[in-house]
Structure formats: structure tokens, C-alpha cells
Amino acid sequence: MEKVTFAIKSIAVQNCIMVLALAVVAYITVAALRKKSPKHILISIIWLAIVLWFFNSPLFGFSRVTVGPQGIKIEYGILSFQNKTVPLDTPWTIESHVSGLRRMKRVYTLKIGTHESMRVKSREELELLKEIGKAIDKMKGKT
């Protein structure tokens, strides 16, 4: 079976958000370097650390999964250090969470090992998560 790629959320949009955040921080850094102000340089380094932390934190899940004979490739985005390929025998589950201010909305995530996907709300997106799980099981059976 050939490898199959699933996009839970648009990785292009996710990458644009990451690049935009990095561009803002880079602009602040360049402005600080021009002023030669140690205080502003320190602030820009702190902001860079915050941006990198956010895109690598548990708050930001993966957006794209590629299931192939080599394993399950999990992609978070271009600024993430968490992009990995895990073995096919890695356990997966679909988890349900409550969300919103009044905790009345139900959201779902796909958990592959220790990696958690972006949260999805609609039935169609939930079906996509189930499809990913079926593809993993199918690929597991073929190898």
C-alpha cells in the first residue's frame, strides 16, 4: 500500500501563522539591533523564545499525518521541533474534550503515542480522524 497523507487542519495556514509570528519577532530584533539597545535586544530574544515555545507546546497540535510502510509521519509545521516519524505499531486513540467558556462544546483530538492533533469540532473532521486510524490499522496489517 502506498503512503497516504491526511490534513487535519490546513498546514499551509498553520505555516503562514508561524512565519508571520517569526517575521514580527525578526522585525523587532532588527529594530533593536539598529538602536543598539541591549534592553530591546533582550526583549526581542524573549519574544523569540515565547514564539518558539508556543509552536512547540502542548497547546499546538499536529496538522498533517502521512501513513506509509516506513511509519506514521507527524507534522506540526515549519517552526516545530516535534515533527517526527513514529513506528506503525504506535497506539492511537481519538479523545473527546469539552471546550468553550461554558464547557458546552465537544472537540476531538487524535492521539498517536504522545503526539496530539489539532482539535476538531465537526462530524466531518471527526470522521477524518477515524479514517486516519483505519489507515494506520490497514497499513499495520499489510506490513
N, C-alpha and C. Protein backbone atom coordinates (compact mmCIF):
# COMPACT_ATOMS: atom_id res chain seq x y z
N MET A 1 0.83 -1.18 0.00
CA MET A 1 0.00 0.00 0.00
C MET A 1 0.88 1.25 0.00
N GLU A 2 0.49 2.22 -0.79
CA GLU A 2 1.25 3.47 -0.85
C GLU A 2 0.96 4.34 0.37
N LYS A 3 1.85 5.29 0.58
CA LYS A 3 1.61 6.17 1.72
C LYS A 3 0.45 7.12 1.41
N VAL A 4 -0.28 7.46 2.47
CA VAL A 4 -1.46 8.31 2.36
C VAL A 4 -1.28 9.49 3.32
N THR A 5 -1.57 10.70 2.83
CA THR A 5 -1.44 11.90 3.64
C THR A 5 -2.81 12.46 3.98
N PHE A 6 -3.00 12.79 5.25
CA PHE A 6 -4.24 13.38 5.74
C PHE A 6 -3.94 14.75 6.33
N ALA A 7 -4.74 15.73 5.98
CA ALA A 7 -4.60 17.08 6.55
C ALA A 7 -5.76 17.33 7.51
N ILE A 8 -5.46 17.37 8.80
CA ILE A 8 -6.48 17.62 9.81
C ILE A 8 -6.90 19.08 9.76
N LYS A 9 -5.97 19.96 9.75
CA LYS A 9 -6.18 21.39 9.54
C LYS A 9 -5.17 21.79 8.46
N SER A 10 -5.42 22.89 7.79
CA SER A 10 -4.54 23.32 6.71
C SER A 10 -3.15 23.63 7.25
N ILE A 11 -2.17 22.84 6.82
CA ILE A 11 -0.80 23.08 7.27
C ILE A 11 -0.25 24.35 6.63
N ALA A 12 -0.78 24.73 5.45
CA ALA A 12 -0.34 25.97 4.82
C ALA A 12 -0.72 27.17 5.68
N VAL A 13 -1.94 27.15 6.22
CA VAL A 13 -2.38 28.23 7.10
C VAL A 13 -1.54 28.23 8.38
N GLN A 14 -1.30 27.05 8.91
CA GLN A 14 -0.51 26.93 10.13
C GLN A 14 0.91 27.46 9.89
N ASN A 15 1.51 27.10 8.75
CA ASN A 15 2.85 27.59 8.44
C ASN A 15 2.86 29.10 8.24
N CYS A 16 1.80 29.65 7.63
CA CYS A 16 1.71 31.11 7.45
C CYS A 16 1.66 31.82 8.79
N ILE A 17 0.90 31.27 9.72
CA ILE A 17 0.83 31.86 11.06
C ILE A 17 2.20 31.83 11.72
N MET A 18 2.91 30.70 11.57
CA MET A 18 4.24 30.57 12.16
C MET A 18 5.22 31.57 11.54
N VAL A 19 5.20 31.69 10.21
CA VAL A 19 6.12 32.60 9.52
C VAL A 19 5.79 34.05 9.87
N LEU A 20 4.51 34.37 9.95
CA LEU A 20 4.11 35.73 10.31
C LEU A 20 4.59 36.09 11.72
N ALA A 21 4.41 35.18 12.66
CA ALA A 21 4.89 35.42 14.03
C ALA A 21 6.40 35.59 14.05
N LEU A 22 7.10 34.74 13.29
CA LEU A 22 8.56 34.85 13.22
C LEU A 22 8.99 36.16 12.57
N ALA A 23 8.27 36.60 11.53
CA ALA A 23 8.59 37.85 10.85
C ALA A 23 8.44 39.05 11.78
N VAL A 24 7.39 39.05 12.58
CA VAL A 24 7.18 40.14 13.54
C VAL A 24 8.33 40.18 14.54
N VAL A 25 8.71 39.02 15.06
CA VAL A 25 9.81 38.97 16.02
C VAL A 25 11.13 39.36 15.35
N ALA A 26 11.34 38.95 14.10
CA ALA A 26 12.56 39.32 13.38
C ALA A 26 12.61 40.83 13.16
N TYR A 27 11.47 41.43 12.84
CA TYR A 27 11.41 42.88 12.66
C TYR A 27 11.78 43.59 13.96
N ILE A 28 11.23 43.12 15.07
CA ILE A 28 11.54 43.71 16.38
C ILE A 28 13.03 43.55 16.69
N THR A 29 13.60 42.39 16.34
CA THR A 29 15.02 42.14 16.59
C THR A 29 15.90 43.07 15.76
N VAL A 30 15.56 43.22 14.47
CA VAL A 30 16.34 44.11 13.60
C VAL A 30 16.26 45.55 14.10
N ALA A 31 15.07 45.98 14.50
CA ALA A 31 14.91 47.34 15.04
C ALA A 31 15.74 47.51 16.31
N ALA A 32 15.78 46.49 17.14
CA ALA A 32 16.57 46.56 18.38
C ALA A 32 18.06 46.60 18.07
N LEU A 33 18.49 45.83 17.06
CA LEU A 33 19.91 45.84 16.69
C LEU A 33 20.32 47.19 16.12
N ARG A 34 19.42 47.82 15.35
CA ARG A 34 19.72 49.15 14.79
C ARG A 34 19.88 50.18 15.89
N LYS A 35 19.02 50.09 16.90
CA LYS A 35 19.09 51.04 18.03
C LYS A 35 20.28 50.73 18.94
N LYS A 36 20.80 49.51 18.83
CA LYS A 36 21.89 49.04 19.69
C LYS A 36 21.51 49.15 21.17
N SER A 37 20.26 48.81 21.42
CA SER A 37 19.74 48.88 22.79
C SER A 37 19.72 47.47 23.38
N PRO A 38 20.54 47.21 24.39
CA PRO A 38 20.56 45.88 24.99
C PRO A 38 19.20 45.47 25.56
N LYS A 39 18.47 46.45 26.07
CA LYS A 39 17.15 46.17 26.63
C LYS A 39 16.20 45.66 25.54
N HIS A 40 16.18 46.32 24.39
CA HIS A 40 15.30 45.90 23.30
C HIS A 40 15.75 44.57 22.68
N ILE A 41 17.04 44.36 22.62
CA ILE A 41 17.56 43.08 22.10
C ILE A 41 17.13 41.95 23.02
N LEU A 42 17.24 42.17 24.32
CA LEU A 42 16.81 41.15 25.29
C LEU A 42 15.31 40.87 25.15
N ILE A 43 14.51 41.92 25.00
CA ILE A 43 13.06 41.74 24.83
C ILE A 43 12.76 40.95 23.57
N SER A 44 13.47 41.23 22.48
CA SER A 44 13.21 40.50 21.23
C SER A 44 13.62 39.04 21.35
N ILE A 45 14.69 38.76 22.08
CA ILE A 45 15.09 37.36 22.30
C ILE A 45 14.05 36.64 23.15
N ILE A 46 13.52 37.33 24.14
CA ILE A 46 12.45 36.74 24.96
C ILE A 46 11.23 36.44 24.10
N TRP A 47 10.85 37.38 23.22
CA TRP A 47 9.70 37.14 22.33
C TRP A 47 9.96 35.97 21.38
N LEU A 48 11.19 35.85 20.89
CA LEU A 48 11.53 34.72 20.03
C LEU A 48 11.37 33.42 20.79
N ALA A 49 11.82 33.39 22.03
CA ALA A 49 11.66 32.19 22.86
C ALA A 49 10.19 31.87 23.09
N ILE A 50 9.37 32.89 23.31
CA ILE A 50 7.93 32.68 23.51
C ILE A 50 7.29 32.09 22.26
N VAL A 51 7.62 32.65 21.09
CA VAL A 51 7.06 32.15 19.82
C VAL A 51 7.46 30.70 19.60
N LEU A 52 8.74 30.39 19.78
CA LEU A 52 9.20 29.00 19.59
C LEU A 52 8.57 28.07 20.61
N TRP A 53 8.44 28.52 21.86
CA TRP A 53 7.80 27.69 22.88
C TRP A 53 6.35 27.41 22.50
N PHE A 54 5.62 28.44 22.09
CA PHE A 54 4.20 28.26 21.78
C PHE A 54 3.99 27.23 20.68
N PHE A 55 4.76 27.33 19.60
CA PHE A 55 4.57 26.42 18.47
C PHE A 55 5.11 25.02 18.75
N ASN A 56 5.80 24.83 19.87
CA ASN A 56 6.28 23.52 20.26
C ASN A 56 5.64 23.03 21.56
N SER A 57 4.64 23.75 22.03
CA SER A 57 3.99 23.40 23.30
C SER A 57 2.81 22.46 23.07
N PRO A 58 2.26 21.90 24.14
CA PRO A 58 1.08 21.04 24.02
C PRO A 58 -0.16 21.80 23.53
N LEU A 59 -0.12 23.14 23.53
CA LEU A 59 -1.25 23.93 23.06
C LEU A 59 -1.42 23.83 21.55
N PHE A 60 -0.38 23.43 20.85
CA PHE A 60 -0.38 23.42 19.39
C PHE A 60 -0.21 21.99 18.90
N GLY A 61 -1.24 21.40 18.34
CA GLY A 61 -1.20 20.01 17.89
C GLY A 61 -0.73 19.87 16.45
N PHE A 62 -0.56 18.62 16.02
CA PHE A 62 -0.12 18.39 14.64
C PHE A 62 -1.28 18.57 13.67
N SER A 63 -0.93 18.90 12.42
CA SER A 63 -1.94 19.19 11.40
C SER A 63 -1.98 18.18 10.28
N ARG A 64 -0.86 17.52 10.04
CA ARG A 64 -0.82 16.60 8.90
C ARG A 64 -0.19 15.28 9.33
N VAL A 65 -0.77 14.19 8.82
CA VAL A 65 -0.29 12.85 9.12
C VAL A 65 -0.10 12.12 7.80
N THR A 66 1.06 11.49 7.63
CA THR A 66 1.30 10.65 6.47
C THR A 66 1.53 9.23 6.97
N VAL A 67 0.68 8.32 6.51
CA VAL A 67 0.78 6.91 6.91
C VAL A 67 1.40 6.15 5.75
N GLY A 68 2.53 5.50 6.01
CA GLY A 68 3.22 4.74 4.98
C GLY A 68 3.91 3.53 5.58
N PRO A 69 4.52 2.70 4.74
CA PRO A 69 5.20 1.50 5.24
C PRO A 69 6.35 1.81 6.19
N GLN A 70 6.96 3.01 6.07
CA GLN A 70 8.08 3.38 6.94
C GLN A 70 7.60 3.80 8.32
N GLY A 71 6.33 4.15 8.46
CA GLY A 71 5.80 4.60 9.74
C GLY A 71 4.78 5.70 9.57
N ILE A 72 4.48 6.37 10.65
CA ILE A 72 3.50 7.45 10.67
C ILE A 72 4.26 8.76 10.83
N LYS A 73 4.24 9.58 9.78
CA LYS A 73 4.93 10.86 9.81
C LYS A 73 3.96 11.91 10.34
N ILE A 74 4.34 12.56 11.44
CA ILE A 74 3.51 13.56 12.10
C ILE A 74 4.14 14.93 11.88
N GLU A 75 3.35 15.87 11.32
CA GLU A 75 3.87 17.19 11.01
C GLU A 75 3.09 18.28 11.74
N TYR A 76 3.82 19.11 12.45
CA TYR A 76 3.23 20.22 13.20
C TYR A 76 3.33 21.53 12.43
N GLY A 77 4.39 21.73 11.68
CA GLY A 77 4.62 22.98 10.95
C GLY A 77 6.11 23.27 10.88
N ILE A 78 6.45 24.35 10.16
CA ILE A 78 7.86 24.60 9.89
C ILE A 78 8.67 25.08 11.09
N LEU A 79 8.03 25.70 12.07
CA LEU A 79 8.78 26.16 13.25
C LEU A 79 8.81 25.14 14.38
N SER A 80 8.24 23.98 14.15
CA SER A 80 8.15 22.99 15.21
C SER A 80 9.34 22.04 15.18
N PHE A 81 9.81 21.71 16.37
CA PHE A 81 10.88 20.72 16.51
C PHE A 81 10.29 19.34 16.77
N GLN A 82 8.96 19.24 16.78
CA GLN A 82 8.28 17.99 17.12
C GLN A 82 7.95 17.12 15.92
N ASN A 83 8.20 17.58 14.68
CA ASN A 83 7.90 16.77 13.51
C ASN A 83 8.67 15.46 13.61
N LYS A 84 7.94 14.35 13.55
CA LYS A 84 8.58 13.04 13.76
C LYS A 84 7.92 11.98 12.89
N THR A 85 8.63 10.88 12.72
CA THR A 85 8.06 9.68 12.14
C THR A 85 8.09 8.62 13.23
N VAL A 86 6.91 8.12 13.58
CA VAL A 86 6.79 7.11 14.63
C VAL A 86 6.48 5.76 13.99
N PRO A 87 6.80 4.65 14.66
CA PRO A 87 6.52 3.32 14.10
C PRO A 87 5.02 3.09 13.92
N LEU A 88 4.69 2.19 12.99
CA LEU A 88 3.29 1.87 12.72
C LEU A 88 2.58 1.25 13.92
N ASP A 89 3.33 0.59 14.79
CA ASP A 89 2.69 -0.07 15.93
C ASP A 89 2.44 0.90 17.11
N THR A 90 2.67 2.19 16.89
CA THR A 90 2.38 3.19 17.92
C THR A 90 0.86 3.23 18.14
N PRO A 91 0.42 3.13 19.40
CA PRO A 91 -1.02 3.14 19.66
C PRO A 91 -1.65 4.50 19.34
N TRP A 92 -2.88 4.47 18.85
CA TRP A 92 -3.61 5.70 18.56
C TRP A 92 -4.99 5.63 19.19
N THR A 93 -5.51 6.78 19.58
CA THR A 93 -6.87 6.89 20.13
C THR A 93 -7.47 8.22 19.70
N ILE A 94 -8.78 8.26 19.68
CA ILE A 94 -9.50 9.51 19.46
C ILE A 94 -10.08 9.91 20.81
N GLU A 95 -9.71 11.09 21.27
CA GLU A 95 -10.15 11.55 22.58
C GLU A 95 -11.16 12.69 22.42
N SER A 96 -12.08 12.74 23.35
CA SER A 96 -13.12 13.76 23.36
C SER A 96 -12.87 14.71 24.53
N HIS A 97 -13.00 16.00 24.28
CA HIS A 97 -12.80 17.01 25.32
C HIS A 97 -13.96 18.00 25.28
N VAL A 98 -14.20 18.67 26.40
CA VAL A 98 -15.16 19.77 26.39
C VAL A 98 -14.38 21.06 26.22
N SER A 99 -15.01 22.03 25.55
CA SER A 99 -14.33 23.27 25.23
C SER A 99 -15.31 24.43 25.33
N GLY A 100 -14.79 25.63 25.23
CA GLY A 100 -15.63 26.82 25.27
C GLY A 100 -15.69 27.39 26.67
N LEU A 101 -16.20 28.60 26.76
CA LEU A 101 -16.28 29.26 28.06
C LEU A 101 -17.21 28.54 29.02
N ARG A 102 -18.33 28.05 28.51
CA ARG A 102 -19.28 27.37 29.38
C ARG A 102 -19.11 25.85 29.34
N ARG A 103 -18.05 25.39 28.68
CA ARG A 103 -17.73 23.96 28.60
C ARG A 103 -18.87 23.16 27.98
N MET A 104 -19.51 23.72 26.95
CA MET A 104 -20.64 23.04 26.33
C MET A 104 -20.31 22.49 24.95
N LYS A 105 -19.17 22.87 24.40
CA LYS A 105 -18.79 22.39 23.07
C LYS A 105 -17.91 21.16 23.21
N ARG A 106 -18.10 20.20 22.32
CA ARG A 106 -17.31 18.99 22.33
C ARG A 106 -16.31 19.07 21.18
N VAL A 107 -15.04 18.82 21.49
CA VAL A 107 -13.98 18.79 20.48
C VAL A 107 -13.26 17.45 20.58
N TYR A 108 -12.61 17.07 19.48
CA TYR A 108 -11.96 15.76 19.40
C TYR A 108 -10.51 15.94 18.97
N THR A 109 -9.65 15.06 19.47
CA THR A 109 -8.26 15.03 19.04
C THR A 109 -7.85 13.60 18.75
N LEU A 110 -6.91 13.45 17.84
CA LEU A 110 -6.31 12.16 17.56
C LEU A 110 -4.99 12.12 18.31
N LYS A 111 -4.80 11.10 19.11
CA LYS A 111 -3.57 10.96 19.87
C LYS A 111 -2.81 9.75 19.32
N ILE A 112 -1.61 9.99 18.82
CA ILE A 112 -0.74 8.93 18.32
C ILE A 112 0.48 8.91 19.23
N GLY A 113 0.55 7.90 20.07
CA GLY A 113 1.62 7.85 21.07
C GLY A 113 1.47 9.03 22.01
N THR A 114 2.50 9.89 22.05
CA THR A 114 2.44 11.08 22.90
C THR A 114 2.09 12.34 22.12
N HIS A 115 1.82 12.20 20.83
CA HIS A 115 1.52 13.34 19.97
C HIS A 115 0.01 13.52 19.85
N GLU A 116 -0.44 14.77 19.98
CA GLU A 116 -1.87 15.07 19.91
C GLU A 116 -2.15 16.03 18.76
N SER A 117 -3.23 15.76 18.02
CA SER A 117 -3.57 16.57 16.86
C SER A 117 -4.23 17.89 17.27
N MET A 118 -4.42 18.75 16.29
CA MET A 118 -5.22 19.95 16.50
C MET A 118 -6.63 19.50 16.85
N ARG A 119 -7.34 20.31 17.59
CA ARG A 119 -8.71 19.96 17.98
C ARG A 119 -9.66 20.20 16.82
N VAL A 120 -10.61 19.29 16.65
CA VAL A 120 -11.62 19.42 15.60
C VAL A 120 -13.00 19.40 16.24
N LYS A 121 -13.97 20.04 15.58
CA LYS A 121 -15.31 20.17 16.16
C LYS A 121 -16.38 19.42 15.39
N SER A 122 -16.31 19.44 14.07
CA SER A 122 -17.42 18.92 13.27
C SER A 122 -17.39 17.41 13.12
N ARG A 123 -18.52 16.86 12.73
CA ARG A 123 -18.63 15.41 12.48
C ARG A 123 -17.73 14.98 11.33
N GLU A 124 -17.61 15.84 10.29
CA GLU A 124 -16.76 15.51 9.14
C GLU A 124 -15.31 15.38 9.57
N GLU A 125 -14.88 16.31 10.42
CA GLU A 125 -13.50 16.26 10.90
C GLU A 125 -13.28 15.07 11.82
N LEU A 126 -14.29 14.70 12.60
CA LEU A 126 -14.20 13.51 13.45
C LEU A 126 -14.07 12.27 12.57
N GLU A 127 -14.82 12.22 11.47
CA GLU A 127 -14.71 11.10 10.54
C GLU A 127 -13.31 11.02 9.93
N LEU A 128 -12.69 12.18 9.68
CA LEU A 128 -11.32 12.20 9.17
C LEU A 128 -10.36 11.57 10.17
N LEU A 129 -10.54 11.88 11.46
CA LEU A 129 -9.69 11.28 12.49
C LEU A 129 -9.86 9.76 12.51
N LYS A 130 -11.11 9.29 12.36
CA LYS A 130 -11.36 7.85 12.31
C LYS A 130 -10.73 7.23 11.07
N GLU A 131 -10.76 7.96 9.95
CA GLU A 131 -10.14 7.48 8.70
C GLU A 131 -8.64 7.32 8.87
N ILE A 132 -8.02 8.25 9.56
CA ILE A 132 -6.58 8.17 9.82
C ILE A 132 -6.28 6.91 10.63
N GLY A 133 -7.08 6.66 11.66
CA GLY A 133 -6.90 5.45 12.48
C GLY A 133 -7.06 4.18 11.66
N LYS A 134 -8.06 4.16 10.77
CA LYS A 134 -8.27 2.99 9.90
C LYS A 134 -7.08 2.79 8.97
N ALA A 135 -6.54 3.90 8.44
CA ALA A 135 -5.38 3.79 7.54
C ALA A 135 -4.16 3.24 8.29
N ILE A 136 -3.99 3.66 9.54
CA ILE A 136 -2.88 3.15 10.35
C ILE A 136 -3.06 1.65 10.56
N ASP A 137 -4.27 1.24 10.95
CA ASP A 137 -4.54 -0.19 11.17
C ASP A 137 -4.37 -1.00 9.89
N LYS A 138 -4.82 -0.44 8.77
CA LYS A 138 -4.70 -1.13 7.48
C LYS A 138 -3.23 -1.29 7.09
N MET A 139 -2.45 -0.22 7.27
CA MET A 139 -1.03 -0.28 6.93
C MET A 139 -0.31 -1.24 7.87
N LYS A 140 -0.72 -1.28 9.12
CA LYS A 140 -0.13 -2.19 10.10
C LYS A 140 -0.35 -3.64 9.68
N GLY A 141 -1.54 -3.92 9.16
CA GLY A 141 -1.88 -5.28 8.73
C GLY A 141 -1.13 -5.71 7.49
N LYS A 142 -0.73 -4.76 6.64
CA LYS A 142 -0.06 -5.08 5.38
C LYS A 142 1.43 -5.32 5.56
N THR A 143 2.02 -4.77 6.64
CA THR A 143 3.48 -4.93 6.79
C THR A 143 3.83 -6.07 7.69
